[in-house]
């Protein structure tokens, strides 16, 4: 079974007037792995669908409320209609692990090489790259996204198994 761990970077919190700057996807079937990043103009519905072609399950953190709706609004692709989706944030909530992804990582001992970079910093890095051609800013942004994506798999491995669904719980903490 081919699984995808997916995370996006954007120019803001709203797809209205915002854009996706990076889509990172880690693909694995247990025997082989592949990491793909779509950047800037490479981000199209066709390119995303090609990456996700044989994927059966998509894993995200807060993807039900952010990543997948943003992709749908910007690219017109509803991944929840095409693939099973599991939002690991809700698995964390069931274990009493609340907060953002980095806070949960820290509580579970999942390390990061790139420290002190946030989603807000990712926006700034993108504009430094776009407006000033900073290759260093782009490299840091891509490294940050890569760690987000790869750490999703580590997070999943540390959580107990649960149902794969495409909806969020009716009650939130």
Foldseek 3Di string as FASTA:
>chain_A
DKEKEWDWAKLDQDLVVIATAKIWIWIDDPPDIDIDIQGDPSDEPVNVCVVCVPHAEYEYACCLPGVQVSCCSHHVDRVVVVHFYDHCNQLCVVVVNDDDPVSSCVVVVNDDPDPDADSNNLNVLSCCCVVVVDPVSVVSSVSVRVSNRVVRVVSVVPTDDDDTHNDHDPDDD
